[in-house]
Amino acid sequence: AALGRCGLFVSIGTSGNVYPAAGFVQQARRHGAYAVELNLEESLGVS
């Protein structure tokens, strides 16, 4: 529900390969959120 109404989605310190969390960015963006990755290095879901 929160992903469906947020305007900004930020992922911090994640590998991008553990679901369902790795799919949260797609859910947020489908509803128009701007998505930012903060990480030591690019995750698997960087694109």
All heavy atoms as atom14 arrays in JSON, in Angstrom:
{
  "sequence": "AALGRCGLFVSIGTSGNVYPAAGFVQQARRHGAYAVELNLEESLGVS",
  "atom14_mask": [
    [1, 1, 1, 1, 1, 0, 0, 0, 0, 0, 0, 0, 0, 0],
    [1, 1, 1, 1, 1, 0, 0, 0, 0, 0, 0, 0, 0, 0],
    [1, 1, 1, 1, 1, 1, 1, 1, 0, 0, 0, 0, 0, 0],
    [1, 1, 1, 1, 0, 0, 0, 0, 0, 0, 0, 0, 0, 0],
    [1, 1, 1, 1, 1, 1, 1, 1, 1, 1, 1, 0, 0, 0],
    [1, 1, 1, 1, 1, 1, 0, 0, 0, 0, 0, 0, 0, 0],
    [1, 1, 1, 1, 0, 0, 0, 0, 0, 0, 0, 0, 0, 0],
    [1, 1, 1, 1, 1, 1, 1, 1, 0, 0, 0, 0, 0, 0],
    [1, 1, 1, 1, 1, 1, 1, 1, 1, 1, 1, 0, 0, 0],
    [1, 1, 1, 1, 1, 1, 1, 0, 0, 0, 0, 0, 0, 0],
    [1, 1, 1, 1, 1, 1, 0, 0, 0, 0, 0, 0, 0, 0],
    [1, 1, 1, 1, 1, 1, 1, 1, 0, 0, 0, 0, 0, 0],
    [1, 1, 1, 1, 0, 0, 0, 0, 0, 0, 0, 0, 0, 0],
    [1, 1, 1, 1, 1, 1, 1, 0, 0, 0, 0, 0, 0, 0],
    [1, 1, 1, 1, 1, 1, 0, 0, 0, 0, 0, 0, 0, 0],
    [1, 1, 1, 1, 0, 0, 0, 0, 0, 0, 0, 0, 0, 0],
    [1, 1, 1, 1, 1, 1, 1, 1, 0, 0, 0, 0, 0, 0],
    [1, 1, 1, 1, 1, 1, 1, 0, 0, 0, 0, 0, 0, 0],
    [1, 1, 1, 1, 1, 1, 1, 1, 1, 1, 1, 1, 0, 0],
    [1, 1, 1, 1, 1, 1, 1, 0, 0, 0, 0, 0, 0, 0],
    [1, 1, 1, 1, 1, 0, 0, 0, 0, 0, 0, 0, 0, 0],
    [1, 1, 1, 1, 1, 0, 0, 0, 0, 0, 0, 0, 0, 0],
    [1, 1, 1, 1, 0, 0, 0, 0, 0, 0, 0, 0, 0, 0],
    [1, 1, 1, 1, 1, 1, 1, 1, 1, 1, 1, 0, 0, 0],
    [1, 1, 1, 1, 1, 1, 1, 0, 0, 0, 0, 0, 0, 0],
    [1, 1, 1, 1, 1, 1, 1, 1, 1, 0, 0, 0, 0, 0],
    [1, 1, 1, 1, 1, 1, 1, 1, 1, 0, 0, 0, 0, 0],
    [1, 1, 1, 1, 1, 0, 0, 0, 0, 0, 0, 0, 0, 0],
    [1, 1, 1, 1, 1, 1, 1, 1, 1, 1, 1, 0, 0, 0],
    [1, 1, 1, 1, 1, 1, 1, 1, 1, 1, 1, 0, 0, 0],
    [1, 1, 1, 1, 1, 1, 1, 1, 1, 1, 0, 0, 0, 0],
    [1, 1, 1, 1, 0, 0, 0, 0, 0, 0, 0, 0, 0, 0],
    [1, 1, 1, 1, 1, 0, 0, 0, 0, 0, 0, 0, 0, 0],
    [1, 1, 1, 1, 1, 1, 1, 1, 1, 1, 1, 1, 0, 0],
    [1, 1, 1, 1, 1, 0, 0, 0, 0, 0, 0, 0, 0, 0],
    [1, 1, 1, 1, 1, 1, 1, 0, 0, 0, 0, 0, 0, 0],
    [1, 1, 1, 1, 1, 1, 1, 1, 1, 0, 0, 0, 0, 0],
    [1, 1, 1, 1, 1, 1, 1, 1, 0, 0, 0, 0, 0, 0],
    [1, 1, 1, 1, 1, 1, 1, 1, 0, 0, 0, 0, 0, 0],
    [1, 1, 1, 1, 1, 1, 1, 1, 0, 0, 0, 0, 0, 0],
    [1, 1, 1, 1, 1, 1, 1, 1, 1, 0, 0, 0, 0, 0],
    [1, 1, 1, 1, 1, 1, 1, 1, 1, 0, 0, 0, 0, 0],
    [1, 1, 1, 1, 1, 1, 0, 0, 0, 0, 0, 0, 0, 0],
    [1, 1, 1, 1, 1, 1, 1, 1, 0, 0, 0, 0, 0, 0],
    [1, 1, 1, 1, 0, 0, 0, 0, 0, 0, 0, 0, 0, 0],
    [1, 1, 1, 1, 1, 1, 1, 0, 0, 0, 0, 0, 0, 0],
    [1, 1, 1, 1, 1, 1, 0, 0, 0, 0, 0, 0, 0, 0]
  ],
  "atom14_positions": [
    [[0.84, -1.21, 0.0], [0.0, 0.0, 0.0], [0.87, 1.25, 0.0], [0.59, 2.23, -0.72], [-0.93, 0.0, 1.21], [0.0, 0.0, 0.0], [0.0, 0.0, 0.0], [0.0, 0.0, 0.0], [0.0, 0.0, 0.0], [0.0, 0.0, 0.0], [0.0, 0.0, 0.0], [0.0, 0.0, 0.0], [0.0, 0.0, 0.0], [0.0, 0.0, 0.0]],
    [[1.93, 1.25, 0.8], [2.83, 2.4, 0.86], [3.55, 2.6, -0.47], [3.73, 3.74, -0.93], [3.83, 2.22, 1.99], [0.0, 0.0, 0.0], [0.0, 0.0, 0.0], [0.0, 0.0, 0.0], [0.0, 0.0, 0.0], [0.0, 0.0, 0.0], [0.0, 0.0, 0.0], [0.0, 0.0, 0.0], [0.0, 0.0, 0.0], [0.0, 0.0, 0.0]],
    [[3.97, 1.51, -1.12], [4.64, 1.61, -2.41], [3.72, 2.21, -3.46], [4.17, 2.88, -4.39], [5.12, 0.23, -2.87], [6.26, -0.39, -2.06], [6.46, -1.85, -2.47], [7.56, 0.39, -2.23], [0.0, 0.0, 0.0], [0.0, 0.0, 0.0], [0.0, 0.0, 0.0], [0.0, 0.0, 0.0], [0.0, 0.0, 0.0], [0.0, 0.0, 0.0]],
    [[2.43, 1.98, -3.31], [1.46, 2.48, -4.28], [1.16, 3.96, -4.16], [0.56, 4.53, -5.07], [0.0, 0.0, 0.0], [0.0, 0.0, 0.0], [0.0, 0.0, 0.0], [0.0, 0.0, 0.0], [0.0, 0.0, 0.0], [0.0, 0.0, 0.0], [0.0, 0.0, 0.0], [0.0, 0.0, 0.0], [0.0, 0.0, 0.0], [0.0, 0.0, 0.0]],
    [[1.6, 4.59, -3.07], [1.28, 6.01, -2.9], [2.51, 6.89, -2.66], [2.38, 8.1, -2.51], [0.3, 6.2, -1.74], [0.79, 5.72, -0.39], [-0.21, 6.06, 0.72], [0.26, 5.62, 2.02], [-0.02, 4.46, 2.59], [-0.82, 3.62, 1.97], [0.46, 4.14, 3.78], [0.0, 0.0, 0.0], [0.0, 0.0, 0.0], [0.0, 0.0, 0.0]],
    [[3.69, 6.31, -2.65], [4.87, 7.13, -2.37], [5.31, 7.91, -3.6], [5.07, 7.51, -4.74], [6.02, 6.27, -1.84], [6.79, 5.16, -3.04], [0.0, 0.0, 0.0], [0.0, 0.0, 0.0], [0.0, 0.0, 0.0], [0.0, 0.0, 0.0], [0.0, 0.0, 0.0], [0.0, 0.0, 0.0], [0.0, 0.0, 0.0], [0.0, 0.0, 0.0]],
    [[5.97, 9.03, -3.35], [6.51, 9.84, -4.44], [7.99, 9.63, -4.63], [8.54, 9.96, -5.69], [0.0, 0.0, 0.0], [0.0, 0.0, 0.0], [0.0, 0.0, 0.0], [0.0, 0.0, 0.0], [0.0, 0.0, 0.0], [0.0, 0.0, 0.0], [0.0, 0.0, 0.0], [0.0, 0.0, 0.0], [0.0, 0.0, 0.0], [0.0, 0.0, 0.0]],
    [[8.66, 9.09, -3.59], [10.09, 8.81, -3.66], [10.35, 7.45, -3.03], [9.93, 7.19, -1.91], [10.89, 9.89, -2.92], [12.4, 9.65, -2.76], [13.09, 9.62, -4.12], [13.02, 10.72, -1.86], [0.0, 0.0, 0.0], [0.0, 0.0, 0.0], [0.0, 0.0, 0.0], [0.0, 0.0, 0.0], [0.0, 0.0, 0.0], [0.0, 0.0, 0.0]],
    [[11.05, 6.6, -3.78], [11.46, 5.3, -3.27], [12.98, 5.27, -3.23], [13.65, 5.58, -4.23], [10.95, 4.16, -4.16], [11.46, 2.8, -3.74], [10.89, 2.13, -2.66], [12.52, 2.2, -4.41], [11.37, 0.89, -2.26], [13.0, 0.97, -4.02], [12.43, 0.3, -2.95], [0.0, 0.0, 0.0], [0.0, 0.0, 0.0], [0.0, 0.0, 0.0]],
    [[13.54, 4.9, -2.08], [14.98, 4.88, -1.91], [15.4, 3.5, -1.41], [14.86, 2.99, -0.42], [15.45, 5.95, -0.89], [16.97, 5.99, -0.84], [14.88, 7.32, -1.23], [0.0, 0.0, 0.0], [0.0, 0.0, 0.0], [0.0, 0.0, 0.0], [0.0, 0.0, 0.0], [0.0, 0.0, 0.0], [0.0, 0.0, 0.0], [0.0, 0.0, 0.0]],
    [[16.35, 2.9, -2.1], [16.9, 1.6, -1.7], [18.32, 1.81, -1.2], [19.14, 2.41, -1.9], [16.89, 0.63, -2.88], [17.49, -0.6, -2.54], [0.0, 0.0, 0.0], [0.0, 0.0, 0.0], [0.0, 0.0, 0.0], [0.0, 0.0, 0.0], [0.0, 0.0, 0.0], [0.0, 0.0, 0.0], [0.0, 0.0, 0.0], [0.0, 0.0, 0.0]],
    [[18.61, 1.32, 0.0], [19.91, 1.56, 0.63], [20.54, 0.23, 1.06], [19.95, -0.53, 1.82], [19.77, 2.47, 1.87], [19.09, 3.79, 1.49], [21.13, 2.73, 2.5], [18.77, 4.67, 2.71], [0.0, 0.0, 0.0], [0.0, 0.0, 0.0], [0.0, 0.0, 0.0], [0.0, 0.0, 0.0], [0.0, 0.0, 0.0], [0.0, 0.0, 0.0]],
    [[21.73, -0.03, 0.59], [22.5, -1.17, 1.08], [21.92, -2.52, 0.75], [22.05, -3.46, 1.54], [0.0, 0.0, 0.0], [0.0, 0.0, 0.0], [0.0, 0.0, 0.0], [0.0, 0.0, 0.0], [0.0, 0.0, 0.0], [0.0, 0.0, 0.0], [0.0, 0.0, 0.0], [0.0, 0.0, 0.0], [0.0, 0.0, 0.0], [0.0, 0.0, 0.0]],
    [[21.29, -2.66, -0.42], [20.69, -3.93, -0.8], [21.4, -4.53, -2.01], [21.94, -3.8, -2.84], [19.19, -3.78, -1.12], [19.04, -3.0, -2.3], [18.46, -3.11, 0.03], [0.0, 0.0, 0.0], [0.0, 0.0, 0.0], [0.0, 0.0, 0.0], [0.0, 0.0, 0.0], [0.0, 0.0, 0.0], [0.0, 0.0, 0.0], [0.0, 0.0, 0.0]],
    [[21.34, -5.84, -2.11], [22.0, -6.53, -3.23], [21.14, -6.56, -4.48], [21.65, -6.75, -5.58], [22.35, -7.96, -2.82], [21.17, -8.68, -2.51], [0.0, 0.0, 0.0], [0.0, 0.0, 0.0], [0.0, 0.0, 0.0], [0.0, 0.0, 0.0], [0.0, 0.0, 0.0], [0.0, 0.0, 0.0], [0.0, 0.0, 0.0], [0.0, 0.0, 0.0]],
    [[19.83, -6.43, -4.31], [18.93, -6.47, -5.46], [18.61, -7.87, -5.95], [18.06, -8.02, -7.05], [0.0, 0.0, 0.0], [0.0, 0.0, 0.0], [0.0, 0.0, 0.0], [0.0, 0.0, 0.0], [0.0, 0.0, 0.0], [0.0, 0.0, 0.0], [0.0, 0.0, 0.0], [0.0, 0.0, 0.0], [0.0, 0.0, 0.0], [0.0, 0.0, 0.0]],
    [[18.92, -8.89, -5.16], [18.63, -10.26, -5.63], [17.79, -11.06, -4.65], [17.64, -12.26, -4.81], [19.93, -11.01, -5.95], [20.82, -11.22, -4.73], [20.52, -10.74, -3.65], [21.92, -11.94, -4.91], [0.0, 0.0, 0.0], [0.0, 0.0, 0.0], [0.0, 0.0, 0.0], [0.0, 0.0, 0.0], [0.0, 0.0, 0.0], [0.0, 0.0, 0.0]],
    [[17.21, -10.4, -3.64], [16.35, -11.1, -2.69], [14.91, -10.59, -2.86], [14.64, -9.41, -2.65], [16.82, -10.86, -1.24], [15.88, -11.54, -0.25], [18.24, -11.38, -1.03], [0.0, 0.0, 0.0], [0.0, 0.0, 0.0], [0.0, 0.0, 0.0], [0.0, 0.0, 0.0], [0.0, 0.0, 0.0], [0.0, 0.0, 0.0], [0.0, 0.0, 0.0]],
    [[14.05, -11.47, -3.29], [12.64, -11.11, -3.48], [11.82, -11.52, -2.26], [12.21, -12.44, -1.55], [12.11, -11.78, -4.75], [12.59, -11.09, -6.01], [13.83, -11.4, -6.55], [11.82, -10.11, -6.63], [14.29, -10.75, -7.69], [12.27, -9.46, -7.77], [13.5, -9.79, -8.29], [13.95, -9.14, -9.42], [0.0, 0.0, 0.0], [0.0, 0.0, 0.0]],
    [[10.74, -10.79, -1.98], [10.09, -9.79, -2.83], [10.68, -8.39, -2.77], [10.31, -7.52, -3.56], [8.65, -9.77, -2.31], [8.79, -10.1, -0.86], [9.9, -11.11, -0.79], [0.0, 0.0, 0.0], [0.0, 0.0, 0.0], [0.0, 0.0, 0.0], [0.0, 0.0, 0.0], [0.0, 0.0, 0.0], [0.0, 0.0, 0.0], [0.0, 0.0, 0.0]],
    [[11.62, -8.12, -1.85], [12.13, -6.76, -1.7], [12.74, -6.21, -2.98], [12.6, -5.01, -3.29], [13.14, -6.72, -0.56], [0.0, 0.0, 0.0], [0.0, 0.0, 0.0], [0.0, 0.0, 0.0], [0.0, 0.0, 0.0], [0.0, 0.0, 0.0], [0.0, 0.0, 0.0], [0.0, 0.0, 0.0], [0.0, 0.0, 0.0], [0.0, 0.0, 0.0]],
    [[13.4, -7.07, -3.76], [14.05, -6.6, -4.98], [13.04, -6.07, -6.0], [13.41, -5.32, -6.91], [14.87, -7.73, -5.59], [0.0, 0.0, 0.0], [0.0, 0.0, 0.0], [0.0, 0.0, 0.0], [0.0, 0.0, 0.0], [0.0, 0.0, 0.0], [0.0, 0.0, 0.0], [0.0, 0.0, 0.0], [0.0, 0.0, 0.0], [0.0, 0.0, 0.0]],
    [[11.78, -6.45, -5.86], [10.75, -5.98, -6.78], [10.04, -4.71, -6.33], [9.19, -4.18, -7.06], [0.0, 0.0, 0.0], [0.0, 0.0, 0.0], [0.0, 0.0, 0.0], [0.0, 0.0, 0.0], [0.0, 0.0, 0.0], [0.0, 0.0, 0.0], [0.0, 0.0, 0.0], [0.0, 0.0, 0.0], [0.0, 0.0, 0.0], [0.0, 0.0, 0.0]],
    [[10.39, -4.19, -5.15], [9.7, -3.01, -4.63], [9.89, -1.79, -5.53], [8.99, -0.97, -5.69], [10.18, -2.68, -3.22], [9.72, -3.63, -2.16], [10.2, -3.5, -0.85], [8.81, -4.65, -2.43], [9.77, -4.37, 0.14], [8.39, -5.52, -1.44], [8.88, -5.38, -0.15], [0.0, 0.0, 0.0], [0.0, 0.0, 0.0], [0.0, 0.0, 0.0]],
    [[11.09, -1.65, -6.1], [11.35, -0.48, -6.96], [10.41, -0.48, -8.15], [9.9, 0.59, -8.55], [12.83, -0.44, -7.4], [13.25, -1.7, -8.15], [13.09, 0.79, -8.24], [0.0, 0.0, 0.0], [0.0, 0.0, 0.0], [0.0, 0.0, 0.0], [0.0, 0.0, 0.0], [0.0, 0.0, 0.0], [0.0, 0.0, 0.0], [0.0, 0.0, 0.0]],
    [[10.14, -1.63, -8.72], [9.23, -1.69, -9.86], [7.81, -1.34, -9.45], [7.1, -0.64, -10.18], [9.28, -3.08, -10.49], [10.63, -3.41, -11.14], [10.77, -4.87, -11.46], [10.79, -5.72, -10.57], [10.89, -5.19, -12.74], [0.0, 0.0, 0.0], [0.0, 0.0, 0.0], [0.0, 0.0, 0.0], [0.0, 0.0, 0.0], [0.0, 0.0, 0.0]],
    [[7.39, -1.83, -8.28], [6.06, -1.49, -7.79], [5.92, 0.0, -7.58], [4.9, 0.61, -7.97], [5.77, -2.23, -6.48], [5.6, -3.73, -6.63], [5.34, -4.39, -5.29], [6.2, -5.06, -4.73], [4.16, -4.19, -4.75], [0.0, 0.0, 0.0], [0.0, 0.0, 0.0], [0.0, 0.0, 0.0], [0.0, 0.0, 0.0], [0.0, 0.0, 0.0]],
    [[6.91, 0.62, -6.97], [6.84, 2.06, -6.71], [6.83, 2.85, -8.01], [6.06, 3.81, -8.16], [8.01, 2.48, -5.82], [0.0, 0.0, 0.0], [0.0, 0.0, 0.0], [0.0, 0.0, 0.0], [0.0, 0.0, 0.0], [0.0, 0.0, 0.0], [0.0, 0.0, 0.0], [0.0, 0.0, 0.0], [0.0, 0.0, 0.0], [0.0, 0.0, 0.0]],
    [[7.66, 2.47, -8.95], [7.74, 3.22, -10.19], [6.48, 3.08, -11.03], [6.09, 4.0, -11.76], [8.97, 2.77, -10.99], [10.28, 3.27, -10.38], [11.42, 3.19, -11.37], [11.17, 4.01, -12.54], [11.98, 4.05, -13.6], [13.08, 3.31, -13.62], [11.7, 4.82, -14.63], [0.0, 0.0, 0.0], [0.0, 0.0, 0.0], [0.0, 0.0, 0.0]],
    [[5.82, 1.94, -10.94], [4.55, 1.77, -11.67], [3.53, 2.81, -11.24], [2.64, 3.17, -12.0], [4.0, 0.36, -11.46], [4.56, -0.68, -12.39], [3.68, -1.91, -12.47], [3.55, -2.58, -11.19], [4.35, -3.55, -10.76], [5.37, -3.94, -11.51], [4.17, -4.11, -9.59], [0.0, 0.0, 0.0], [0.0, 0.0, 0.0], [0.0, 0.0, 0.0]],
    [[3.65, 3.27, -9.99], [2.71, 4.26, -9.47], [3.29, 5.67, -9.52], [2.74, 6.59, -8.91], [2.33, 3.9, -8.03], [1.55, 2.61, -7.93], [0.19, 2.54, -8.16], [1.94, 1.35, -7.64], [-0.22, 1.3, -8.01], [0.81, 0.56, -7.69], [0.0, 0.0, 0.0], [0.0, 0.0, 0.0], [0.0, 0.0, 0.0], [0.0, 0.0, 0.0]],
    [[4.38, 5.85, -10.24], [4.9, 7.19, -10.49], [5.99, 7.68, -9.57], [6.39, 8.85, -9.65], [0.0, 0.0, 0.0], [0.0, 0.0, 0.0], [0.0, 0.0, 0.0], [0.0, 0.0, 0.0], [0.0, 0.0, 0.0], [0.0, 0.0, 0.0], [0.0, 0.0, 0.0], [0.0, 0.0, 0.0], [0.0, 0.0, 0.0], [0.0, 0.0, 0.0]],
    [[6.5, 6.84, -8.69], [7.54, 7.29, -7.75], [8.88, 7.47, -8.46], [9.19, 6.77, -9.43], [7.7, 6.28, -6.62], [0.0, 0.0, 0.0], [0.0, 0.0, 0.0], [0.0, 0.0, 0.0], [0.0, 0.0, 0.0], [0.0, 0.0, 0.0], [0.0, 0.0, 0.0], [0.0, 0.0, 0.0], [0.0, 0.0, 0.0], [0.0, 0.0, 0.0]],
    [[9.67, 8.38, -7.95], [11.05, 8.55, -8.39], [11.89, 7.61, -7.55], [11.72, 7.53, -6.32], [11.49, 10.0, -8.19], [12.86, 10.31, -8.76], [13.07, 10.29, -10.14], [13.92, 10.63, -7.92], [14.32, 10.59, -10.67], [15.17, 10.93, -8.44], [15.36, 10.91, -9.82], [16.6, 11.2, -10.34], [0.0, 0.0, 0.0], [0.0, 0.0, 0.0]],
    [[12.82, 6.87, -8.18], [13.55, 5.82, -7.48], [15.05, 6.1, -7.46], [15.66, 6.36, -8.51], [13.29, 4.46, -8.14], [0.0, 0.0, 0.0], [0.0, 0.0, 0.0], [0.0, 0.0, 0.0], [0.0, 0.0, 0.0], [0.0, 0.0, 0.0], [0.0, 0.0, 0.0], [0.0, 0.0, 0.0], [0.0, 0.0, 0.0], [0.0, 0.0, 0.0]],
    [[15.62, 6.03, -6.27], [17.05, 6.31, -6.07], [17.7, 5.13, -5.35], [17.15, 4.62, -4.37], [17.25, 7.59, -5.23], [18.74, 7.86, -5.0], [16.58, 8.79, -5.89], [0.0, 0.0, 0.0], [0.0, 0.0, 0.0], [0.0, 0.0, 0.0], [0.0, 0.0, 0.0], [0.0, 0.0, 0.0], [0.0, 0.0, 0.0], [0.0, 0.0, 0.0]],
    [[18.85, 4.73, -5.85], [19.64, 3.68, -5.2], [20.84, 4.32, -4.5], [21.62, 5.04, -5.12], [20.12, 2.66, -6.22], [21.05, 1.6, -5.62], [21.38, 0.48, -6.59], [22.27, 0.68, -7.45], [20.74, -0.58, -6.49], [0.0, 0.0, 0.0], [0.0, 0.0, 0.0], [0.0, 0.0, 0.0], [0.0, 0.0, 0.0], [0.0, 0.0, 0.0]],
    [[21.0, 4.02, -3.2], [22.16, 4.42, -2.43], [22.86, 3.14, -1.99], [22.29, 2.34, -1.25], [21.76, 5.24, -1.2], [20.87, 6.47, -1.43], [20.57, 7.14, -0.09], [21.53, 7.46, -2.38], [0.0, 0.0, 0.0], [0.0, 0.0, 0.0], [0.0, 0.0, 0.0], [0.0, 0.0, 0.0], [0.0, 0.0, 0.0], [0.0, 0.0, 0.0]],
    [[24.09, 2.94, -2.45], [24.72, 1.65, -2.22], [26.24, 1.79, -2.29], [26.76, 2.78, -2.82], [24.25, 0.63, -3.27], [24.07, -0.76, -2.7], [24.51, -1.07, -1.59], [23.43, -1.64, -3.47], [0.0, 0.0, 0.0], [0.0, 0.0, 0.0], [0.0, 0.0, 0.0], [0.0, 0.0, 0.0], [0.0, 0.0, 0.0], [0.0, 0.0, 0.0]],
    [[26.92, 0.8, -1.76], [28.38, 0.8, -1.87], [28.79, 0.65, -3.33], [29.77, 1.25, -3.78], [28.96, -0.33, -1.02], [30.49, -0.39, -0.93], [31.05, 0.88, -0.29], [30.93, -1.62, -0.14], [0.0, 0.0, 0.0], [0.0, 0.0, 0.0], [0.0, 0.0, 0.0], [0.0, 0.0, 0.0], [0.0, 0.0, 0.0], [0.0, 0.0, 0.0]],
    [[28.04, -0.16, -4.06], [28.27, -0.37, -5.49], [26.93, -0.66, -6.15], [25.92, -0.86, -5.48], [29.24, -1.53, -5.72], [28.79, -2.81, -5.07], [29.86, -3.88, -5.06], [31.04, -3.55, -5.25], [29.5, -5.05, -4.86], [0.0, 0.0, 0.0], [0.0, 0.0, 0.0], [0.0, 0.0, 0.0], [0.0, 0.0, 0.0], [0.0, 0.0, 0.0]],
    [[26.91, -0.68, -7.46], [25.66, -0.93, -8.17], [25.1, -2.3, -7.83], [25.83, -3.29, -7.78], [25.88, -0.83, -9.69], [26.21, 0.58, -10.16], [26.36, 0.65, -11.67], [26.4, -0.43, -12.32], [26.44, 1.76, -12.21], [0.0, 0.0, 0.0], [0.0, 0.0, 0.0], [0.0, 0.0, 0.0], [0.0, 0.0, 0.0], [0.0, 0.0, 0.0]],
    [[23.78, -2.34, -7.58], [23.12, -3.6, -7.28], [22.75, -4.31, -8.58], [22.9, -3.76, -9.68], [21.86, -3.35, -6.46], [20.85, -2.78, -7.28], [0.0, 0.0, 0.0], [0.0, 0.0, 0.0], [0.0, 0.0, 0.0], [0.0, 0.0, 0.0], [0.0, 0.0, 0.0], [0.0, 0.0, 0.0], [0.0, 0.0, 0.0], [0.0, 0.0, 0.0]],
    [[22.21, -5.52, -8.45], [21.76, -6.25, -9.63], [20.59, -5.55, -10.31], [20.37, -5.72, -11.49], [21.35, -7.68, -9.23], [22.47, -8.61, -8.77], [21.91, -9.95, -8.36], [23.52, -8.78, -9.86], [0.0, 0.0, 0.0], [0.0, 0.0, 0.0], [0.0, 0.0, 0.0], [0.0, 0.0, 0.0], [0.0, 0.0, 0.0], [0.0, 0.0, 0.0]],
    [[19.86, -4.73, -9.54], [18.71, -4.03, -10.1], [18.97, -2.59, -10.46], [18.03, -1.79, -10.56], [0.0, 0.0, 0.0], [0.0, 0.0, 0.0], [0.0, 0.0, 0.0], [0.0, 0.0, 0.0], [0.0, 0.0, 0.0], [0.0, 0.0, 0.0], [0.0, 0.0, 0.0], [0.0, 0.0, 0.0], [0.0, 0.0, 0.0], [0.0, 0.0, 0.0]],
    [[20.21, -2.24, -10.67], [20.57, -0.83, -10.89], [19.79, -0.18, -12.03], [19.43, 1.0, -11.97], [22.09, -0.69, -11.12], [22.54, -1.45, -12.35], [22.49, 0.78, -11.21], [0.0, 0.0, 0.0], [0.0, 0.0, 0.0], [0.0, 0.0, 0.0], [0.0, 0.0, 0.0], [0.0, 0.0, 0.0], [0.0, 0.0, 0.0], [0.0, 0.0, 0.0]],
    [[19.5, -0.94, -13.09], [18.81, -0.37, -14.25], [17.37, 0.04, -13.95], [16.76, 0.77, -14.74], [18.82, -1.37, -15.41], [18.1, -2.54, -15.06], [0.0, 0.0, 0.0], [0.0, 0.0, 0.0], [0.0, 0.0, 0.0], [0.0, 0.0, 0.0], [0.0, 0.0, 0.0], [0.0, 0.0, 0.0], [0.0, 0.0, 0.0], [0.0, 0.0, 0.0]]
  ]
}
